[in-house]
Structure formats: structure tokens, C-alpha cells
Amino acid sequence: MDNVKGHFIVFEGIDGSGKTTQINLLKRRIEENHFICHTTKEPTGRPVGCLLRQCLAGRVKTDELTLAALFAADRLDHILNDDDGLLKKLEEGISVISDRYILSTYAYQSVRVPFDWVKDLNSMAAGKIHPDCHIFIDTDPDTALERISKGRPGTELFENKKRLTEVRKRYFELFEELKDTENIIIADGTKSIGGISDYIWENISGYFINTREGET
């Protein structure tokens, strides 16, 4: 493992766009190419993550600033905790695929609290890990709301189609802002799951060229 560099690949997109399926397919392909791969999702199962889920589900009342702060706290735990933190995995040379890293908090909260405030709040986490690649799966706006309501009813901040449109628009704005510093792949969510998977693998497989001695 000494010659293998860990890679950090982040999946972004509107919930319901098939990210979980894509992550599982990509993990399988990476492992088939003889690399150890770790997949992770948030919020974590630790106390701050549990509290965040309760707030999102409306079981604990909180204001927007508190909710944004919980996102940031959970993100730090997600990165640094000793049990399963992203930083530890990468230091061990393991490739990491993550669903919703730092931009997700921006997207959720930028429609309710100042974007600069959220960005500053998350700067500590952002400085710890910089992803090799962002993959953004776009979804058809006419079907995304239906997918969200079927997949995670009552747990997200989306209340109607207007809110969904605002968040989706903010995603595009954020990717435009980060284009100079991030390697971003945008996949068309209206394609088939298999078609998107093939497209993603064609674009990121160069990260996983096997450089270990004695192997071809």
C-alpha cells in the first residue's frame, strides 16, 4: 500500500438523483481494479449527527443559524473522528467516495442564511480535505421533487417546487464559483443509471492507474 495514494471523490446533486447507486457502482469498479475503497455518507451516527437528523425531521425545534452550525459541527466530526474519519482513511492510502461533502451545507442553508456566513463557518472543515474530483449529477427539475418526496419524506428542507428550484439554482451558482479550483464532472441525471455510471468511470478512472510495483 505504500505506493498507493488515497483519492477523495465527492458526489453532489439533488437528493433522489441516484447518487447512492452511483457511489456503490463506482466503489465496485474501484475495488475490481485492486484498490481499497471506503464510502461514507453524512450525517454521522455520532451525537451531533443524530441531533442534526432530529432537527431536519422537525422533532427538535431550532432556527436556521443553529441548524447551519450543526451541519458544520457534524462535518468536522465526519472528517476527524477516530473511528471512521475521512482524513484517517486518506492518510492510510484508501480511496474515499463521499456523498455530500461541503457544498451540500451551502446548498441547504444558502437559501435561508447568508452564504458567506455558512462558508466561513465551514472553512475549518474545508481546509482539512480537498477533493480530487466533484461529480455533480443534475436531475430533471420536473421529476426531482417527486423523487425527493418518495425517497425521504419529511426529512429535508424542501417545502415546495419553488424552494427546490431555488436550491437547484444555487447548486449551479456554487459550482460556477468554484470552477477555477475544483475538478468538476457534471453528469446528466436524465440518462440511465448505467449510462451515468459509464460516463463517470470514463472520466475518473485515470485517478486509479495502478502504480504498484510488480503489478501490470
C-alpha atoms as a PDB file:
ATOM      1  CA  MET A   1       0.000   0.000   0.000  1.00  0.00           C
ATOM      2  CA  ASP A   2       2.993   2.332   0.335  1.00  0.00           C
ATOM      3  CA  ASN A   3       2.853   3.384  -3.322  1.00  0.00           C
ATOM      4  CA  VAL A   4      -0.902   3.970  -3.416  1.00  0.00           C
ATOM      5  CA  LYS A   5      -2.271   7.471  -2.908  1.00  0.00           C
ATOM      6  CA  GLY A   6      -5.750   7.813  -1.465  1.00  0.00           C
ATOM      7  CA  HIS A   7      -8.277   9.715  -3.552  1.00  0.00           C
ATOM      8  CA  PHE A   8     -11.235  11.753  -2.362  1.00  0.00           C
ATOM      9  CA  ILE A   9     -14.179  11.872  -4.781  1.00  0.00           C
ATOM     10  CA  VAL A  10     -17.345  13.755  -3.851  1.00  0.00           C
ATOM     11  CA  PHE A  11     -20.819  13.168  -5.250  1.00  0.00           C
ATOM     12  CA  GLU A  12     -23.144  16.152  -5.349  1.00  0.00           C
ATOM     13  CA  GLY A  13     -26.640  16.557  -6.704  1.00  0.00           C
ATOM     14  CA  ILE A  14     -30.264  16.889  -5.722  1.00  0.00           C
ATOM     15  CA  ASP A  15     -31.472  14.085  -3.448  1.00  0.00           C
ATOM     16  CA  GLY A  16     -33.166  11.362  -5.438  1.00  0.00           C
ATOM     17  CA  SER A  17     -30.754  11.606  -8.378  1.00  0.00           C
ATOM     18  CA  GLY A  18     -29.363   8.115  -7.877  1.00  0.00           C
ATOM     19  CA  LYS A  19     -26.190   9.114  -6.004  1.00  0.00           C
ATOM     20  CA  THR A  20     -26.268   6.076  -3.722  1.00  0.00           C
ATOM     21  CA  THR A  21     -26.474   3.732  -6.694  1.00  0.00           C
ATOM     22  CA  GLN A  22     -23.683   5.583  -8.477  1.00  0.00           C
ATOM     23  CA  ILE A  23     -21.461   5.505  -5.391  1.00  0.00           C
ATOM     24  CA  ASN A  24     -21.970   1.765  -4.982  1.00  0.00           C
ATOM     25  CA  LEU A  25     -21.217   1.119  -8.657  1.00  0.00           C
ATOM     26  CA  LEU A  26     -18.092   3.270  -8.562  1.00  0.00           C
ATOM     27  CA  LYS A  27     -16.879   1.578  -5.369  1.00  0.00           C
ATOM     28  CA  ARG A  28     -17.285  -1.810  -7.035  1.00  0.00           C
ATOM     29  CA  ARG A  29     -15.291  -0.716 -10.080  1.00  0.00           C
ATOM     30  CA  ILE A  30     -12.501   0.729  -7.953  1.00  0.00           C
ATOM     31  CA  GLU A  31     -12.255  -2.488  -5.932  1.00  0.00           C
ATOM     32  CA  GLU A  32     -12.247  -4.544  -9.126  1.00  0.00           C
ATOM     33  CA  ASN A  33      -9.109  -2.594 -10.040  1.00  0.00           C
ATOM     34  CA  HIS A  34      -7.448  -3.800  -6.814  1.00  0.00           C
ATOM     35  CA  PHE A  35      -7.803  -0.658  -4.693  1.00  0.00           C
ATOM     36  CA  ILE A  36      -9.276  -0.453  -1.229  1.00  0.00           C
ATOM     37  CA  CYS A  37     -12.239   1.909  -1.275  1.00  0.00           C
ATOM     38  CA  HIS A  38     -14.197   3.478   1.572  1.00  0.00           C
ATOM     39  CA  THR A  39     -17.621   5.036   1.062  1.00  0.00           C
ATOM     40  CA  THR A  40     -19.161   7.354   3.577  1.00  0.00           C
ATOM     41  CA  LYS A  41     -22.338   9.358   3.996  1.00  0.00           C
ATOM     42  CA  GLU A  42     -23.471  12.000   6.405  1.00  0.00           C
ATOM     43  CA  PRO A  43     -24.728  12.914   8.869  1.00  0.00           C
ATOM     44  CA  THR A  44     -22.629  10.597  11.030  1.00  0.00           C
ATOM     45  CA  GLY A  45     -24.139   8.306  13.614  1.00  0.00           C
ATOM     46  CA  ARG A  46     -22.404  10.171  16.413  1.00  0.00           C
ATOM     47  CA  PRO A  47     -24.338  12.519  18.756  1.00  0.00           C
ATOM     48  CA  VAL A  48     -24.137  15.687  16.645  1.00  0.00           C
ATOM     49  CA  GLY A  49     -25.292  13.780  13.567  1.00  0.00           C
ATOM     50  CA  CYS A  50     -28.236  12.289  15.445  1.00  0.00           C
ATOM     51  CA  LEU A  51     -29.240  15.741  16.692  1.00  0.00           C
ATOM     52  CA  LEU A  52     -28.961  17.160  13.182  1.00  0.00           C
ATOM     53  CA  ARG A  53     -31.296  14.480  11.807  1.00  0.00           C
ATOM     54  CA  GLN A  54     -33.819  15.233  14.566  1.00  0.00           C
ATOM     55  CA  CYS A  55     -33.712  18.936  13.661  1.00  0.00           C
ATOM     56  CA  LEU A  56     -34.199  18.217   9.969  1.00  0.00           C
ATOM     57  CA  ALA A  57     -37.131  15.957  10.745  1.00  0.00           C
ATOM     58  CA  GLY A  58     -38.739  18.651  12.899  1.00  0.00           C
ATOM     59  CA  ARG A  59     -38.554  16.674  16.153  1.00  0.00           C
ATOM     60  CA  VAL A  60     -36.255  19.313  17.685  1.00  0.00           C
ATOM     61  CA  LYS A  61     -37.100  22.963  17.102  1.00  0.00           C
ATOM     62  CA  THR A  62     -34.210  25.208  16.061  1.00  0.00           C
ATOM     63  CA  ASP A  63     -33.529  28.293  13.997  1.00  0.00           C
ATOM     64  CA  GLU A  64     -31.577  28.402  10.738  1.00  0.00           C
ATOM     65  CA  LEU A  65     -28.326  29.586  12.301  1.00  0.00           C
ATOM     66  CA  THR A  66     -28.343  26.734  14.805  1.00  0.00           C
ATOM     67  CA  LEU A  67     -29.048  24.246  12.049  1.00  0.00           C
ATOM     68  CA  ALA A  68     -26.173  25.572   9.950  1.00  0.00           C
ATOM     69  CA  ALA A  69     -23.859  25.354  12.965  1.00  0.00           C
ATOM     70  CA  LEU A  70     -24.900  21.721  13.490  1.00  0.00           C
ATOM     71  CA  PHE A  71     -24.051  20.963   9.856  1.00  0.00           C
ATOM     72  CA  ALA A  72     -20.578  22.409  10.408  1.00  0.00           C
ATOM     73  CA  ALA A  73     -20.029  20.529  13.670  1.00  0.00           C
ATOM     74  CA  ASP A  74     -21.135  17.270  12.100  1.00  0.00           C
ATOM     75  CA  ARG A  75     -18.820  17.844   9.169  1.00  0.00           C
ATOM     76  CA  LEU A  76     -15.795  18.259  11.436  1.00  0.00           C
ATOM     77  CA  ASP A  77     -16.693  15.045  13.244  1.00  0.00           C
ATOM     78  CA  HIS A  78     -17.204  13.311   9.925  1.00  0.00           C
ATOM     79  CA  ILE A  79     -13.704  14.318   8.833  1.00  0.00           C
ATOM     80  CA  LEU A  80     -11.736  13.902  12.039  1.00  0.00           C
ATOM     81  CA  ASN A  81     -13.339  11.244  14.249  1.00  0.00           C
ATOM     82  CA  ASP A  82     -11.007   8.385  15.086  1.00  0.00           C
ATOM     83  CA  ASP A  83     -13.421   5.596  14.203  1.00  0.00           C
ATOM     84  CA  ASP A  84     -14.194   6.304  10.581  1.00  0.00           C
ATOM     85  CA  GLY A  85     -12.955   9.787   9.707  1.00  0.00           C
ATOM     86  CA  LEU A  86     -12.215  10.733   6.105  1.00  0.00           C
ATOM     87  CA  LEU A  87      -8.805  12.150   6.987  1.00  0.00           C
ATOM     88  CA  LYS A  88      -7.655   8.926   8.616  1.00  0.00           C
ATOM     89  CA  LYS A  89      -8.756   6.850   5.624  1.00  0.00           C
ATOM     90  CA  LEU A  90      -6.884   9.079   3.179  1.00  0.00           C
ATOM     91  CA  GLU A  91      -3.769   9.044   5.360  1.00  0.00           C
ATOM     92  CA  GLU A  92      -3.919   5.243   5.174  1.00  0.00           C
ATOM     93  CA  GLY A  93      -3.933   5.480   1.366  1.00  0.00           C
ATOM     94  CA  ILE A  94      -7.530   4.357   0.987  1.00  0.00           C
ATOM     95  CA  SER A  95      -9.666   5.860  -1.771  1.00  0.00           C
ATOM     96  CA  VAL A  96     -12.718   7.612  -0.333  1.00  0.00           C
ATOM     97  CA  ILE A  97     -16.036   8.327  -2.042  1.00  0.00           C
ATOM     98  CA  SER A  98     -18.262  10.719  -0.147  1.00  0.00           C
ATOM     99  CA  ASP A  99     -21.856  11.784  -0.614  1.00  0.00           C
ATOM    100  CA  ARG A 100     -22.355  15.489   0.164  1.00  0.00           C
ATOM    101  CA  TYR A 101     -19.171  17.000   1.452  1.00  0.00           C
ATOM    102  CA  ILE A 102     -19.009  20.756   1.904  1.00  0.00           C
ATOM    103  CA  LEU A 103     -21.250  22.110  -0.862  1.00  0.00           C
ATOM    104  CA  SER A 104     -24.322  20.375   0.493  1.00  0.00           C
ATOM    105  CA  THR A 105     -24.400  22.611   3.545  1.00  0.00           C
ATOM    106  CA  TYR A 106     -24.092  25.644   1.292  1.00  0.00           C
ATOM    107  CA  ALA A 107     -26.990  24.461  -0.832  1.00  0.00           C
ATOM    108  CA  TYR A 108     -29.266  23.686   2.089  1.00  0.00           C
ATOM    109  CA  GLN A 109     -28.512  26.820   4.032  1.00  0.00           C
ATOM    110  CA  SER A 110     -27.776  29.461   1.414  1.00  0.00           C
ATOM    111  CA  VAL A 111     -31.493  29.904   0.780  1.00  0.00           C
ATOM    112  CA  ARG A 112     -32.076  30.712   4.459  1.00  0.00           C
ATOM    113  CA  VAL A 113     -28.908  32.223   5.950  1.00  0.00           C
ATOM    114  CA  PRO A 114     -26.141  34.344   4.385  1.00  0.00           C
ATOM    115  CA  PHE A 115     -23.926  32.263   2.116  1.00  0.00           C
ATOM    116  CA  ASP A 116     -20.720  33.968   3.311  1.00  0.00           C
ATOM    117  CA  TRP A 117     -21.603  33.126   6.909  1.00  0.00           C
ATOM    118  CA  VAL A 118     -22.097  29.447   6.093  1.00  0.00           C
ATOM    119  CA  LYS A 119     -18.917  29.352   4.018  1.00  0.00           C
ATOM    120  CA  ASP A 120     -16.885  30.901   6.832  1.00  0.00           C
ATOM    121  CA  LEU A 121     -18.411  28.525   9.373  1.00  0.00           C
ATOM    122  CA  ASN A 122     -17.317  25.545   7.287  1.00  0.00           C
ATOM    123  CA  SER A 123     -13.843  26.851   6.463  1.00  0.00           C
ATOM    124  CA  MET A 124     -12.172  24.735   9.145  1.00  0.00           C
ATOM    125  CA  ALA A 125     -13.512  21.543   7.621  1.00  0.00           C
ATOM    126  CA  ALA A 126     -12.820  22.738   4.081  1.00  0.00           C
ATOM    127  CA  GLY A 127      -9.155  23.243   4.895  1.00  0.00           C
ATOM    128  CA  LYS A 128      -8.663  19.676   6.116  1.00  0.00           C
ATOM    129  CA  ILE A 129      -9.593  17.787   2.967  1.00  0.00           C
ATOM    130  CA  HIS A 130      -9.586  18.964  -0.615  1.00  0.00           C
ATOM    131  CA  PRO A 131     -11.312  16.581  -3.038  1.00  0.00           C
ATOM    132  CA  ASP A 132      -9.657  15.329  -6.214  1.00  0.00           C
ATOM    133  CA  CYS A 133     -12.946  15.465  -8.049  1.00  0.00           C
ATOM    134  CA  HIS A 134     -16.545  16.647  -7.685  1.00  0.00           C
ATOM    135  CA  ILE A 135     -19.200  14.761  -9.610  1.00  0.00           C
ATOM    136  CA  PHE A 136     -22.468  16.657  -9.911  1.00  0.00           C
ATOM    137  CA  ILE A 137     -25.491  14.652 -11.040  1.00  0.00           C
ATOM    138  CA  ASP A 138     -28.088  17.024 -12.444  1.00  0.00           C
ATOM    139  CA  THR A 139     -31.720  15.973 -12.330  1.00  0.00           C
ATOM    140  CA  ASP A 140     -34.748  16.876 -14.364  1.00  0.00           C
ATOM    141  CA  PRO A 141     -36.498  19.671 -12.381  1.00  0.00           C
ATOM    142  CA  ASP A 142     -39.894  18.303 -13.349  1.00  0.00           C
ATOM    143  CA  THR A 143     -39.245  14.949 -11.642  1.00  0.00           C
ATOM    144  CA  ALA A 144     -36.771  15.836  -8.874  1.00  0.00           C
ATOM    145  CA  LEU A 145     -39.443  16.934  -6.379  1.00  0.00           C
ATOM    146  CA  GLU A 146     -41.330  13.680  -6.873  1.00  0.00           C
ATOM    147  CA  ARG A 147     -38.127  11.680  -6.314  1.00  0.00           C
ATOM    148  CA  ILE A 148     -37.351  13.593  -3.134  1.00  0.00           C
ATOM    149  CA  SER A 149     -40.844  13.156  -1.687  1.00  0.00           C
ATOM    150  CA  LYS A 150     -40.772   9.410  -2.350  1.00  0.00           C
ATOM    151  CA  GLY A 151     -37.271   8.863  -1.026  1.00  0.00           C
ATOM    152  CA  ARG A 152     -37.026  10.964   2.141  1.00  0.00           C
ATOM    153  CA  PRO A 153     -40.420  12.322   3.161  1.00  0.00           C
ATOM    154  CA  GLY A 154     -40.429  14.858   5.965  1.00  0.00           C
ATOM    155  CA  THR A 155     -36.673  14.969   6.493  1.00  0.00           C
ATOM    156  CA  GLU A 156     -35.480  17.651   4.086  1.00  0.00           C
ATOM    157  CA  LEU A 157     -35.842  21.412   3.961  1.00  0.00           C
ATOM    158  CA  PHE A 158     -37.600  21.441   0.614  1.00  0.00           C
ATOM    159  CA  GLU A 159     -41.208  22.549   1.081  1.00  0.00           C
ATOM    160  CA  ASN A 160     -42.435  23.102  -2.464  1.00  0.00           C
ATOM    161  CA  LYS A 161     -41.320  23.330  -6.067  1.00  0.00           C
ATOM    162  CA  LYS A 162     -40.284  26.963  -5.651  1.00  0.00           C
ATOM    163  CA  ARG A 163     -37.854  26.023  -2.856  1.00  0.00           C
ATOM    164  CA  LEU A 164     -36.496  23.130  -4.923  1.00  0.00           C
ATOM    165  CA  THR A 165     -35.875  25.491  -7.838  1.00  0.00           C
ATOM    166  CA  GLU A 166     -34.028  27.937  -5.558  1.00  0.00           C
ATOM    167  CA  VAL A 167     -31.742  25.232  -4.185  1.00  0.00           C
ATOM    168  CA  ARG A 168     -31.087  23.742  -7.611  1.00  0.00           C
ATOM    169  CA  LYS A 169     -30.178  27.196  -8.944  1.00  0.00           C
ATOM    170  CA  ARG A 170     -27.815  27.723  -6.001  1.00  0.00           C
ATOM    171  CA  TYR A 171     -26.023  24.466  -6.803  1.00  0.00           C
ATOM    172  CA  PHE A 172     -25.172  25.763 -10.262  1.00  0.00           C
ATOM    173  CA  GLU A 173     -24.054  29.122  -8.887  1.00  0.00           C
ATOM    174  CA  LEU A 174     -21.713  27.446  -6.397  1.00  0.00           C
ATOM    175  CA  PHE A 175     -20.144  25.207  -8.995  1.00  0.00           C
ATOM    176  CA  GLU A 176     -19.552  28.249 -11.175  1.00  0.00           C
ATOM    177  CA  GLU A 177     -17.823  29.986  -8.257  1.00  0.00           C
ATOM    178  CA  LEU A 178     -15.547  27.002  -7.589  1.00  0.00           C
ATOM    179  CA  LYS A 179     -14.803  26.064 -11.166  1.00  0.00           C
ATOM    180  CA  ASP A 180     -11.272  27.503 -11.081  1.00  0.00           C
ATOM    181  CA  THR A 181     -10.186  25.382  -8.126  1.00  0.00           C
ATOM    182  CA  GLU A 182     -12.184  22.174  -8.401  1.00  0.00           C
ATOM    183  CA  ASN A 183     -12.191  19.357 -10.907  1.00  0.00           C
ATOM    184  CA  ILE A 184     -15.912  19.068 -11.582  1.00  0.00           C
ATOM    185  CA  ILE A 185     -17.734  16.473 -13.664  1.00  0.00           C
ATOM    186  CA  ILE A 186     -21.377  17.208 -14.422  1.00  0.00           C
ATOM    187  CA  ALA A 187     -23.422  14.156 -15.364  1.00  0.00           C
ATOM    188  CA  ASP A 188     -26.857  14.409 -16.931  1.00  0.00           C
ATOM    189  CA  GLY A 189     -29.299  12.854 -14.494  1.00  0.00           C
ATOM    190  CA  THR A 190     -31.830  12.164 -17.222  1.00  0.00           C
ATOM    191  CA  LYS A 191     -29.658   9.371 -18.617  1.00  0.00           C
ATOM    192  CA  SER A 192     -29.985   5.805 -17.420  1.00  0.00           C
ATOM    193  CA  ILE A 193     -28.196   4.768 -14.227  1.00  0.00           C
ATOM    194  CA  GLY A 194     -25.855   2.573 -16.262  1.00  0.00           C
ATOM    195  CA  GLY A 195     -25.154   5.355 -18.733  1.00  0.00           C
ATOM    196  CA  ILE A 196     -24.219   7.796 -15.986  1.00  0.00           C
ATOM    197  CA  SER A 197     -22.050   5.166 -14.327  1.00  0.00           C
ATOM    198  CA  ASP A 198     -20.118   4.541 -17.543  1.00  0.00           C
ATOM    199  CA  TYR A 199     -19.662   8.288 -18.091  1.00  0.00           C
ATOM    200  CA  ILE A 200     -18.337   8.847 -14.580  1.00  0.00           C
ATOM    201  CA  TRP A 201     -15.936   5.918 -14.738  1.00  0.00           C
ATOM    202  CA  GLU A 202     -14.522   7.077 -18.079  1.00  0.00           C
ATOM    203  CA  ASN A 203     -13.783  10.467 -16.546  1.00  0.00           C
ATOM    204  CA  ILE A 204     -12.273   9.403 -13.220  1.00  0.00           C
ATOM    205  CA  SER A 205     -10.557   6.091 -13.976  1.00  0.00           C
ATOM    206  CA  GLY A 206      -7.287   7.947 -14.613  1.00  0.00           C
ATOM    207  CA  TYR A 207      -7.116   8.661 -10.884  1.00  0.00           C
ATOM    208  CA  PHE A 208      -6.806   4.961 -10.220  1.00  0.00           C
ATOM    209  CA  ILE A 209      -3.966   3.949 -12.528  1.00  0.00           C
ATOM    210  CA  ASN A 210      -2.217   1.115 -10.755  1.00  0.00           C
ATOM    211  CA  THR A 211       1.330   2.199  -9.948  1.00  0.00           C
ATOM    212  CA  ARG A 212       2.247  -0.534  -7.508  1.00  0.00           C
ATOM    213  CA  GLU A 213       5.435  -2.361  -8.311  1.00  0.00           C
ATOM    214  CA  GLY A 214       5.131  -5.882  -9.606  1.00  0.00           C
ATOM    215  CA  GLU A 215       1.591  -5.430 -10.977  1.00  0.00           C
ATOM    216  CA  THR A 216       0.504  -4.670 -14.511  1.00  0.00           C
END
